[in-house]
Amino acid sequence: QVQLVESGGGLVQPGGSLRLSCAASGSIFSINAMGWYRQAPGKQRELVAAVTTGGSTNYADSVKGRFTISRDNAKNTVYLQMNSLKPEDTAVYYCHADLVHGVGLKVTFTDSWGQGTQVTVSS
């Protein structure tokens, strides 16, 4: 019932920048952590960055200092600013959200994935 809509992927040359966006919509009471994952051909899906509702962040070692995750709680949107891109960053990037439905004794926890957006870093 919850949908994550991603945008911002594309082709960029090494050293360039891209900003990914992911907006959540549907029947949501609140969103806890949100994050970005990526999967390259022949590799496992890996966590790139995550952010809590309080603003705490976590990054994969391979992207520290280059990528920045942020969120706009009012818009139920998470962003990934990617700078100094490298060819090894090429992958399908997926948005993920931990969701809370209802409140109190009726609360239900679920999660949701976006469809993925292709990021290609090549000259």
C-alpha atoms as a PDB file:
ATOM      1  CA  GLN A   1       0.000   0.000   0.000  1.00  0.00           C
ATOM      2  CA  VAL A   2       2.996   2.271   0.551  1.00  0.00           C
ATOM      3  CA  GLN A   3       4.873   3.352  -2.554  1.00  0.00           C
ATOM      4  CA  LEU A   4       8.418   4.679  -2.785  1.00  0.00           C
ATOM      5  CA  VAL A   5       9.064   6.754  -5.898  1.00  0.00           C
ATOM      6  CA  GLU A   6      12.683   7.358  -6.850  1.00  0.00           C
ATOM      7  CA  SER A   7      14.270   9.853  -9.203  1.00  0.00           C
ATOM      8  CA  GLY A   8      17.650  11.308 -10.099  1.00  0.00           C
ATOM      9  CA  GLY A   9      19.532   8.364 -11.537  1.00  0.00           C
ATOM     10  CA  GLY A  10      21.399   8.577 -14.803  1.00  0.00           C
ATOM     11  CA  LEU A  11      24.747   8.629 -16.548  1.00  0.00           C
ATOM     12  CA  VAL A  12      27.582  10.737 -15.183  1.00  0.00           C
ATOM     13  CA  GLN A  13      31.314  10.881 -15.833  1.00  0.00           C
ATOM     14  CA  PRO A  14      33.874  10.048 -13.131  1.00  0.00           C
ATOM     15  CA  GLY A  15      34.229  12.883 -10.646  1.00  0.00           C
ATOM     16  CA  GLY A  16      30.725  14.111 -11.311  1.00  0.00           C
ATOM     17  CA  SER A  17      27.710  14.374  -9.027  1.00  0.00           C
ATOM     18  CA  LEU A  18      24.135  13.150  -8.846  1.00  0.00           C
ATOM     19  CA  ARG A  19      21.341  13.576  -6.329  1.00  0.00           C
ATOM     20  CA  LEU A  20      18.830  10.793  -5.811  1.00  0.00           C
ATOM     21  CA  SER A  21      15.407  11.448  -4.326  1.00  0.00           C
ATOM     22  CA  CYS A  22      12.839   9.047  -2.891  1.00  0.00           C
ATOM     23  CA  ALA A  23       9.352  10.081  -1.821  1.00  0.00           C
ATOM     24  CA  ALA A  24       7.053   7.810   0.185  1.00  0.00           C
ATOM     25  CA  SER A  25       3.294   7.936  -0.253  1.00  0.00           C
ATOM     26  CA  GLY A  26       0.262   5.914   0.791  1.00  0.00           C
ATOM     27  CA  SER A  27      -1.129   4.740   4.114  1.00  0.00           C
ATOM     28  CA  ILE A  28       1.632   5.687   6.536  1.00  0.00           C
ATOM     29  CA  PHE A  29       1.449   6.811  10.131  1.00  0.00           C
ATOM     30  CA  SER A  30       5.155   7.495  10.375  1.00  0.00           C
ATOM     31  CA  ILE A  31       8.507   6.493   8.912  1.00  0.00           C
ATOM     32  CA  ASN A  32      11.420   5.419  11.036  1.00  0.00           C
ATOM     33  CA  ALA A  33      14.764   4.811   9.343  1.00  0.00           C
ATOM     34  CA  MET A  34      15.202   5.409   5.623  1.00  0.00           C
ATOM     35  CA  GLY A  35      18.129   4.313   3.536  1.00  0.00           C
ATOM     36  CA  TRP A  36      19.732   3.717   0.188  1.00  0.00           C
ATOM     37  CA  TYR A  37      21.025   0.368  -0.997  1.00  0.00           C
ATOM     38  CA  ARG A  38      22.774  -0.531  -4.224  1.00  0.00           C
ATOM     39  CA  GLN A  39      23.367  -3.664  -6.237  1.00  0.00           C
ATOM     40  CA  ALA A  40      25.895  -4.060  -9.018  1.00  0.00           C
ATOM     41  CA  PRO A  41      25.718  -6.937 -11.526  1.00  0.00           C
ATOM     42  CA  GLY A  42      26.885 -10.173  -9.928  1.00  0.00           C
ATOM     43  CA  LYS A  43      27.111  -8.648  -6.455  1.00  0.00           C
ATOM     44  CA  GLN A  44      25.013  -8.680  -3.292  1.00  0.00           C
ATOM     45  CA  ARG A  45      22.801  -5.750  -2.440  1.00  0.00           C
ATOM     46  CA  GLU A  46      24.599  -3.533   0.061  1.00  0.00           C
ATOM     47  CA  LEU A  47      23.647  -0.697   2.355  1.00  0.00           C
ATOM     48  CA  VAL A  48      25.026   2.608   1.100  1.00  0.00           C
ATOM     49  CA  ALA A  49      23.623   5.018   3.674  1.00  0.00           C
ATOM     50  CA  ALA A  50      20.848   5.244   6.247  1.00  0.00           C
ATOM     51  CA  VAL A  51      19.284   8.005   8.300  1.00  0.00           C
ATOM     52  CA  THR A  52      16.981   7.894  11.330  1.00  0.00           C
ATOM     53  CA  THR A  53      14.116  10.249  12.102  1.00  0.00           C
ATOM     54  CA  GLY A  54      16.439  12.006  14.531  1.00  0.00           C
ATOM     55  CA  GLY A  55      19.037  12.625  11.841  1.00  0.00           C
ATOM     56  CA  SER A  56      21.640  10.031  12.804  1.00  0.00           C
ATOM     57  CA  THR A  57      23.440   8.696   9.731  1.00  0.00           C
ATOM     58  CA  ASN A  58      25.471   5.670   8.769  1.00  0.00           C
ATOM     59  CA  TYR A  59      27.537   5.135   5.608  1.00  0.00           C
ATOM     60  CA  ALA A  60      29.333   2.320   3.895  1.00  0.00           C
ATOM     61  CA  ASP A  61      33.092   2.766   4.130  1.00  0.00           C
ATOM     62  CA  SER A  62      33.334   2.966   0.348  1.00  0.00           C
ATOM     63  CA  VAL A  63      31.221   6.139   0.174  1.00  0.00           C
ATOM     64  CA  LYS A  64      32.219   8.005   3.338  1.00  0.00           C
ATOM     65  CA  GLY A  65      33.261  11.552   2.565  1.00  0.00           C
ATOM     66  CA  ARG A  66      31.661  11.460  -0.880  1.00  0.00           C
ATOM     67  CA  PHE A  67      27.960  10.710  -0.299  1.00  0.00           C
ATOM     68  CA  THR A  68      25.526  12.501   1.995  1.00  0.00           C
ATOM     69  CA  ILE A  69      22.116  11.203   3.028  1.00  0.00           C
ATOM     70  CA  SER A  70      19.406  13.547   4.266  1.00  0.00           C
ATOM     71  CA  ARG A  71      15.655  13.558   4.745  1.00  0.00           C
ATOM     72  CA  ASP A  72      12.684  15.870   4.828  1.00  0.00           C
ATOM     73  CA  ASN A  73      10.265  14.360   7.334  1.00  0.00           C
ATOM     74  CA  ALA A  74       7.444  16.709   6.360  1.00  0.00           C
ATOM     75  CA  LYS A  75       7.644  15.454   2.767  1.00  0.00           C
ATOM     76  CA  ASN A  76       8.413  11.815   3.631  1.00  0.00           C
ATOM     77  CA  THR A  77      11.396  12.125   1.329  1.00  0.00           C
ATOM     78  CA  VAL A  78      14.994  10.941   1.557  1.00  0.00           C
ATOM     79  CA  TYR A  79      17.882  12.175  -0.574  1.00  0.00           C
ATOM     80  CA  LEU A  80      21.308  10.883  -1.481  1.00  0.00           C
ATOM     81  CA  GLN A  81      23.818  13.464  -2.671  1.00  0.00           C
ATOM     82  CA  MET A  82      26.609  11.666  -4.501  1.00  0.00           C
ATOM     83  CA  ASN A  83      29.817  13.560  -5.226  1.00  0.00           C
ATOM     84  CA  SER A  84      33.187  12.519  -6.645  1.00  0.00           C
ATOM     85  CA  LEU A  85      31.559   9.558  -8.317  1.00  0.00           C
ATOM     86  CA  LYS A  86      33.702   6.609  -9.363  1.00  0.00           C
ATOM     87  CA  PRO A  87      33.074   3.848 -11.917  1.00  0.00           C
ATOM     88  CA  GLU A  88      32.731   1.376  -9.034  1.00  0.00           C
ATOM     89  CA  ASP A  89      29.677   3.331  -7.857  1.00  0.00           C
ATOM     90  CA  THR A  90      27.818   2.039 -10.908  1.00  0.00           C
ATOM     91  CA  ALA A  91      24.799   0.069  -9.692  1.00  0.00           C
ATOM     92  CA  VAL A  92      21.055   0.050  -9.315  1.00  0.00           C
ATOM     93  CA  TYR A  93      20.219   2.152  -6.277  1.00  0.00           C
ATOM     94  CA  TYR A  94      17.201   1.226  -4.149  1.00  0.00           C
ATOM     95  CA  CYS A  95      15.343   3.307  -1.604  1.00  0.00           C
ATOM     96  CA  HIS A  96      14.120   1.625   1.589  1.00  0.00           C
ATOM     97  CA  ALA A  97      11.925   2.755   4.462  1.00  0.00           C
ATOM     98  CA  ASP A  98      10.932   1.281   7.822  1.00  0.00           C
ATOM     99  CA  LEU A  99       7.256   2.097   8.311  1.00  0.00           C
ATOM    100  CA  VAL A 100       4.866   2.374  11.253  1.00  0.00           C
ATOM    101  CA  HIS A 101       1.104   2.058  10.782  1.00  0.00           C
ATOM    102  CA  GLY A 102      -1.395   2.966  13.472  1.00  0.00           C
ATOM    103  CA  VAL A 103      -0.602   3.879  17.054  1.00  0.00           C
ATOM    104  CA  GLY A 104      -0.468   2.343  20.503  1.00  0.00           C
ATOM    105  CA  LEU A 105      -1.835  -1.200  20.785  1.00  0.00           C
ATOM    106  CA  LYS A 106      -2.808  -1.173  17.102  1.00  0.00           C
ATOM    107  CA  VAL A 107       0.638  -0.294  15.763  1.00  0.00           C
ATOM    108  CA  THR A 108       2.036  -2.375  12.905  1.00  0.00           C
ATOM    109  CA  PHE A 109       5.585  -2.365  11.576  1.00  0.00           C
ATOM    110  CA  THR A 110       6.358  -2.933   7.899  1.00  0.00           C
ATOM    111  CA  ASP A 111       8.925  -1.879   5.329  1.00  0.00           C
ATOM    112  CA  SER A 112       8.956  -0.875   1.691  1.00  0.00           C
ATOM    113  CA  TRP A 113      11.368  -0.859  -1.246  1.00  0.00           C
ATOM    114  CA  GLY A 114      11.551   1.362  -4.271  1.00  0.00           C
ATOM    115  CA  GLN A 115      11.823  -0.028  -7.789  1.00  0.00           C
ATOM    116  CA  GLY A 116      15.434   1.046  -8.144  1.00  0.00           C
ATOM    117  CA  THR A 117      17.152   3.642 -10.289  1.00  0.00           C
ATOM    118  CA  GLN A 118      20.224   3.059 -12.437  1.00  0.00           C
ATOM    119  CA  VAL A 119      23.373   5.047 -11.741  1.00  0.00           C
ATOM    120  CA  THR A 120      26.150   4.657 -14.294  1.00  0.00           C
ATOM    121  CA  VAL A 121      29.547   6.317 -13.860  1.00  0.00           C
ATOM    122  CA  SER A 122      31.538   6.146 -17.057  1.00  0.00           C
ATOM    123  CA  SER A 123      33.564   8.331 -19.384  1.00  0.00           C
END
